[in-house]
Protein backbone atom coordinates (compact mmCIF):
# COMPACT_ATOMS: atom_id res chain seq x y z
CA MET A 1 -96.64 -3.14 -153.70
CA ALA A 2 -97.83 -6.71 -153.49
CA GLN A 3 -96.31 -10.13 -153.20
CA THR A 4 -98.19 -13.31 -153.98
CA SER A 5 -97.72 -16.67 -152.33
CA GLU A 6 -98.03 -18.42 -155.69
CA GLY A 7 -94.45 -18.68 -156.93
CA ASN A 8 -93.45 -15.62 -154.91
CA LYS A 9 -94.29 -13.23 -157.71
CA VAL A 10 -93.79 -9.53 -157.03
CA TYR A 11 -96.16 -6.88 -158.37
CA THR A 12 -95.89 -3.12 -157.87
CA PHE A 13 -98.22 -0.25 -158.60
CA GLY A 14 -98.71 3.38 -157.59
CA GLN A 15 -96.58 6.49 -158.07
CA GLY A 16 -93.00 5.78 -159.10
CA LEU A 17 -91.36 9.22 -159.14
CA THR A 18 -88.07 7.98 -157.72
CA GLY A 19 -88.07 4.50 -159.28
CA GLN A 20 -89.44 2.78 -156.19
CA LEU A 21 -91.72 0.57 -158.29
CA GLY A 22 -88.77 -1.12 -160.01
CA HIS A 23 -90.26 -0.84 -163.52
CA GLY A 24 -87.41 1.16 -165.00
CA GLY A 25 -88.63 4.75 -164.92
CA GLU A 26 -90.80 7.47 -163.43
CA LEU A 27 -94.11 5.78 -164.02
CA LEU A 28 -97.57 5.95 -162.55
CA LYS A 29 -98.98 2.43 -162.52
CA SER A 30 -102.65 2.19 -161.62
CA VAL A 31 -102.72 -1.54 -162.35
CA PRO A 32 -100.30 -4.00 -160.65
CA CYS A 33 -97.38 -4.97 -162.91
CA GLU A 34 -95.13 -7.95 -162.29
CA ILE A 35 -91.41 -7.30 -161.71
CA THR A 36 -90.47 -10.86 -160.66
CA SER A 37 -88.19 -11.26 -163.70
CA GLU A 38 -85.91 -8.56 -162.26
CA PHE A 39 -84.66 -11.13 -159.71
CA SER A 40 -82.55 -14.22 -160.31
CA GLU A 41 -84.09 -15.95 -157.28
CA GLN A 42 -87.29 -15.95 -155.28
CA VAL A 43 -88.26 -12.89 -153.28
CA VAL A 44 -89.52 -13.83 -149.81
CA GLN A 45 -90.40 -10.38 -148.45
CA VAL A 46 -90.98 -6.82 -149.68
CA ALA A 47 -91.03 -3.49 -147.84
CA ALA A 48 -91.84 -0.08 -149.27
CA SER A 49 -91.49 3.56 -148.34
CA GLY A 50 -92.40 6.73 -150.19
CA HIS A 51 -89.00 6.89 -151.88
CA GLY A 52 -87.76 3.33 -152.19
CA SER A 53 -88.53 -0.37 -151.94
CA LEU A 54 -86.63 -3.31 -150.43
CA PHE A 55 -86.79 -6.92 -151.55
CA LEU A 56 -85.40 -9.80 -149.46
CA THR A 57 -84.53 -12.98 -151.38
CA GLU A 58 -84.40 -16.59 -150.28
CA SER A 59 -80.58 -16.48 -150.22
CA ASN A 60 -80.55 -13.58 -147.75
CA GLN A 61 -79.77 -10.86 -150.31
CA ILE A 62 -81.41 -7.44 -150.17
CA TYR A 63 -82.30 -5.60 -153.36
CA TYR A 64 -83.65 -2.07 -153.56
CA SER A 65 -85.25 0.21 -156.11
CA GLY A 66 -85.76 3.95 -155.87
CA LYS A 67 -83.72 6.00 -153.42
CA LEU A 68 -82.03 4.94 -150.20
CA LYS A 69 -81.62 8.56 -149.05
CA ALA A 70 -85.07 10.13 -149.23
CA PHE A 71 -84.10 13.78 -149.55
CA ASP A 72 -80.68 13.56 -151.22
CA SER A 73 -81.16 15.36 -154.53
CA LYS A 74 -77.73 14.15 -155.76
CA GLU A 75 -78.53 10.43 -155.31
CA VAL A 76 -79.30 8.69 -158.59
CA PRO A 77 -82.32 6.41 -158.09
CA ALA A 78 -82.15 2.70 -158.88
CA TRP A 79 -84.85 2.47 -161.57
CA ARG A 80 -84.75 -1.33 -161.48
CA PRO A 81 -84.00 -3.52 -158.43
CA LYS A 82 -80.30 -3.44 -157.54
CA LYS A 83 -78.39 -5.57 -155.02
CA LEU A 84 -77.64 -3.70 -151.80
CA GLN A 85 -74.15 -3.88 -150.34
CA LYS A 86 -75.02 -4.96 -146.80
CA GLY A 87 -71.81 -3.90 -145.06
CA ALA A 88 -69.80 -5.57 -142.34
CA GLN A 89 -72.55 -5.32 -139.70
CA LEU A 90 -74.92 -7.60 -141.66
CA GLU A 91 -72.45 -9.75 -143.58
CA GLY A 92 -72.86 -13.43 -142.74
CA LYS A 93 -75.98 -12.86 -140.63
CA LYS A 94 -79.40 -14.31 -141.42
CA ILE A 95 -81.90 -11.54 -142.12
CA HIS A 96 -85.33 -12.54 -140.83
CA LYS A 97 -87.31 -9.45 -141.76
CA ILE A 98 -86.94 -6.09 -143.49
CA GLN A 99 -88.89 -2.90 -142.82
CA ALA A 100 -89.20 0.45 -144.59
CA GLY A 101 -90.35 3.71 -143.05
CA SER A 102 -90.66 7.21 -144.44
CA LEU A 103 -87.02 8.04 -143.58
CA PHE A 104 -85.43 4.71 -142.65
CA TYR A 105 -84.87 1.06 -143.55
CA ALA A 106 -84.34 -1.70 -140.98
CA ALA A 107 -83.34 -5.36 -140.93
CA LEU A 108 -84.09 -7.87 -138.19
CA VAL A 109 -81.23 -10.35 -137.81
């Protein structure tokens, strides 16, 4: 996954078995492909794990693609970036940074 400083364009590439690339399917992309048009506003940060990707926008929204629960076989992946419901703990708080690990996601507020 890559993010450019020029216009905050987002490109993804690699193995997309669970939709984590945000291209709309289980695709292997060996060349970076832009997915910026999937967002209605600028993306300011990206974070990726083996099963999903997070995208933080300039208005403090978090989008994700792929799976949020790495080993939940019943979870339907988000094949294209989808807005995350942040919950009461994060509502109204400024998110400074997002992070993705192999089994977790984190937000610095």
